[in-house]
């Protein structure tokens, strides 16, 4: 399976019906984030979201395993910094048991925030996951159901980081 380039992902995402639904004027949508990244670049677009508290909407969408938000992650990667990166890492980790194939596709070891070594290492702050044992159990199960050969290496790496790879 080939990785789709960020520009093509952004174009396809912008064309997805239902993801440009009206939102509050200050609430970002996947389409508005795509437009901002294309216009200003990832760092400036993400900086604007952080300044307006819209970044929480983005990370909530990623954490909820919403395909439109997760599809933005590769395009966001170059703009993630020491503040926004850990939030995206944790959001991806929260999404992992919900849609493992989608999250595995978004991981990229070239970017610290998207590195499977970090995403799969339970990078949570505070009480984001009150039942850590349940989270690990659900995540391992979701990962074991991934059969796509193109995702096998990152799946196995993630299972190893979680501990206790069971075949």
Protein backbone atom coordinates (compact mmCIF):
# COMPACT_ATOMS: atom_id res chain seq x y z
CA UNK A 1 0.00 0.00 0.00
CA UNK A 2 1.46 3.34 -1.01
CA UNK A 3 1.31 6.35 1.25
CA UNK A 4 -0.77 9.13 -0.21
CA UNK A 5 0.94 12.50 -0.32
CA UNK A 6 -0.25 15.18 2.11
CA UNK A 7 -1.51 17.44 -0.67
CA UNK A 8 -3.64 14.68 -2.19
CA UNK A 9 -4.97 13.80 1.29
CA UNK A 10 -5.87 17.43 1.87
CA UNK A 11 -7.59 17.67 -1.51
CA UNK A 12 -9.56 14.48 -0.91
CA UNK A 13 -10.47 15.54 2.60
CA UNK A 14 -11.78 18.88 1.41
CA UNK A 15 -14.05 17.05 -1.02
CA UNK A 16 -15.56 14.70 1.60
CA UNK A 17 -19.25 15.54 2.02
CA UNK A 18 -20.35 16.23 5.55
CA UNK A 19 -16.98 17.39 6.79
CA UNK A 20 -17.57 20.98 5.82
CA UNK A 21 -20.67 21.20 7.98
CA UNK A 22 -21.34 24.60 9.47
CA UNK A 23 -19.68 25.19 12.78
CA UNK A 24 -19.43 28.08 15.17
CA UNK A 25 -17.45 30.92 13.57
CA UNK A 26 -14.32 30.24 15.65
CA UNK A 27 -14.59 26.45 15.60
CA UNK A 28 -12.20 24.86 13.11
CA UNK A 29 -13.38 22.18 10.72
CA UNK A 30 -11.21 19.74 8.80
CA UNK A 31 -11.83 21.83 5.67
CA UNK A 32 -10.82 25.09 7.37
CA UNK A 33 -7.64 23.51 8.76
CA UNK A 34 -6.81 22.13 5.30
CA UNK A 35 -7.25 25.60 3.83
CA UNK A 36 -5.08 27.20 6.51
CA UNK A 37 -2.29 24.63 6.04
CA UNK A 38 -2.37 25.09 2.28
CA UNK A 39 -2.37 28.88 2.59
CA UNK A 40 0.02 29.48 5.48
CA UNK A 41 1.91 26.23 6.07
CA UNK A 42 1.52 23.81 8.95
CA UNK A 43 3.41 25.74 11.63
CA UNK A 44 1.54 29.00 11.12
CA UNK A 45 -1.84 27.27 10.72
CA UNK A 46 -1.35 25.28 13.93
CA UNK A 47 -0.09 28.36 15.74
CA UNK A 48 -3.27 30.17 14.81
CA UNK A 49 -5.35 27.28 16.12
CA UNK A 50 -3.44 27.24 19.40
CA UNK A 51 -3.86 30.98 19.79
CA UNK A 52 -7.63 30.69 19.31
CA UNK A 53 -8.09 27.54 21.42
CA UNK A 54 -9.23 25.75 18.25
CA UNK A 55 -6.49 23.19 18.65
CA UNK A 56 -8.62 21.37 21.24
CA UNK A 57 -11.24 20.80 18.53
CA UNK A 58 -8.56 19.26 16.31
CA UNK A 59 -7.17 16.97 19.02
CA UNK A 60 -10.67 15.98 20.13
CA UNK A 61 -11.46 14.96 16.55
CA UNK A 62 -8.25 12.95 16.31
CA UNK A 63 -8.83 11.31 19.71
CA UNK A 64 -12.32 10.35 18.56
CA UNK A 65 -10.79 8.58 15.54
CA UNK A 66 -12.71 10.81 13.15
CA UNK A 67 -11.25 9.93 9.73
CA UNK A 68 -11.38 13.55 8.55
CA UNK A 69 -9.30 14.78 11.50
CA UNK A 70 -6.87 11.85 11.50
CA UNK A 71 -6.31 12.39 7.76
CA UNK A 72 -4.92 15.85 8.62
CA UNK A 73 -2.20 14.49 10.89
CA UNK A 74 0.45 13.91 8.18
CA UNK A 75 -0.05 17.45 6.84
CA UNK A 76 0.14 18.86 10.37
CA UNK A 77 3.33 16.96 11.24
CA UNK A 78 5.88 19.56 10.04
CA UNK A 79 4.19 22.22 12.18
CA UNK A 80 3.97 20.26 15.43
CA UNK A 81 6.13 21.68 18.19
CA UNK A 82 6.87 20.95 21.84
CA UNK A 83 3.40 22.17 22.85
CA UNK A 84 1.20 20.80 20.08
CA UNK A 85 3.17 17.59 19.41
CA UNK A 86 2.44 15.83 22.72
CA UNK A 87 -1.26 16.66 22.40
CA UNK A 88 -1.41 15.05 18.95
CA UNK A 89 0.60 12.06 20.20
CA UNK A 90 -1.88 11.50 23.04
CA UNK A 91 -4.85 12.01 20.70
CA UNK A 92 -3.51 9.39 18.30
CA UNK A 93 -2.98 7.00 21.20
CA UNK A 94 -6.58 7.52 22.33
CA UNK A 95 -7.79 6.84 18.76
CA UNK A 96 -5.70 3.68 18.39
CA UNK A 97 -8.11 1.18 19.99
CA UNK A 98 -11.03 2.76 18.09
CA UNK A 99 -9.55 2.54 14.59
CA UNK A 100 -6.10 0.97 14.59
CA UNK A 101 -5.61 0.86 10.79
CA UNK A 102 -6.42 4.56 10.42
CA UNK A 103 -4.04 5.56 13.21
CA UNK A 104 -1.25 3.25 12.04
CA UNK A 105 -1.41 4.92 8.61
CA UNK A 106 -0.92 8.33 10.23
CA UNK A 107 2.17 7.30 12.20
CA UNK A 108 5.52 8.42 10.86
CA UNK A 109 8.81 7.96 12.73
CA UNK A 110 10.29 10.98 10.92
CA UNK A 111 8.23 13.22 13.21
CA UNK A 112 8.59 12.79 16.98
CA UNK A 113 4.87 13.35 17.64
CA UNK A 114 3.90 10.64 15.16
CA UNK A 115 6.61 8.14 16.06
CA UNK A 116 5.10 4.75 16.94
CA UNK A 117 7.60 4.55 19.82
CA UNK A 118 5.79 7.52 21.38
CA UNK A 119 2.21 7.01 20.25
CA UNK A 120 2.12 3.40 21.43
CA UNK A 121 3.86 4.15 24.74
CA UNK A 122 0.70 5.38 26.49
CA UNK A 123 1.62 9.10 26.34
CA UNK A 124 -1.24 10.30 28.48
CA UNK A 125 -1.44 13.24 30.80
CA UNK A 126 -3.57 13.42 33.91
CA UNK A 127 -6.66 11.18 33.92
CA UNK A 128 -7.23 10.84 30.17
CA UNK A 129 -7.41 7.06 30.56
CA UNK A 130 -8.77 6.05 33.97
CA UNK A 131 -8.65 2.32 33.11
CA UNK A 132 -5.14 1.87 31.72
CA UNK A 133 -5.30 -1.94 31.81
CA UNK A 134 -8.54 -1.86 29.81
CA UNK A 135 -7.03 0.61 27.35
CA UNK A 136 -4.00 -1.64 26.79
CA UNK A 137 -6.22 -4.70 26.38
CA UNK A 138 -8.50 -2.95 23.85
CA UNK A 139 -5.54 -1.49 21.97
CA UNK A 140 -3.74 -4.83 21.70
CA UNK A 141 -6.94 -6.47 20.44
CA UNK A 142 -7.46 -3.73 17.84
CA UNK A 143 -3.87 -4.01 16.67
CA UNK A 144 -4.05 -7.80 16.37
CA UNK A 145 -7.02 -7.41 14.02
CA UNK A 146 -4.94 -5.34 11.57
CA UNK A 147 -4.13 -7.68 8.68
CA UNK A 148 -2.95 -5.16 6.07
CA UNK A 149 0.57 -6.18 5.06
CA UNK A 150 1.59 -2.56 4.51
CA UNK A 151 0.82 -1.81 8.17
CA UNK A 152 2.36 -4.96 9.62
CA UNK A 153 5.73 -3.43 10.60
CA UNK A 154 4.23 -0.45 12.42
CA UNK A 155 1.57 -2.70 14.00
CA UNK A 156 4.24 -5.06 15.33
CA UNK A 157 6.33 -2.15 16.57
CA UNK A 158 3.31 -0.75 18.38
CA UNK A 159 2.51 -4.12 19.95
CA UNK A 160 6.12 -4.43 21.12
CA UNK A 161 6.00 -0.97 22.70
CA UNK A 162 2.71 -1.82 24.45
CA UNK A 163 4.43 -4.93 25.79
CA UNK A 164 3.46 -8.55 25.66
CA UNK A 165 3.21 -9.31 21.96
CA UNK A 166 0.95 -12.37 21.82
CA UNK A 167 0.49 -14.37 18.67
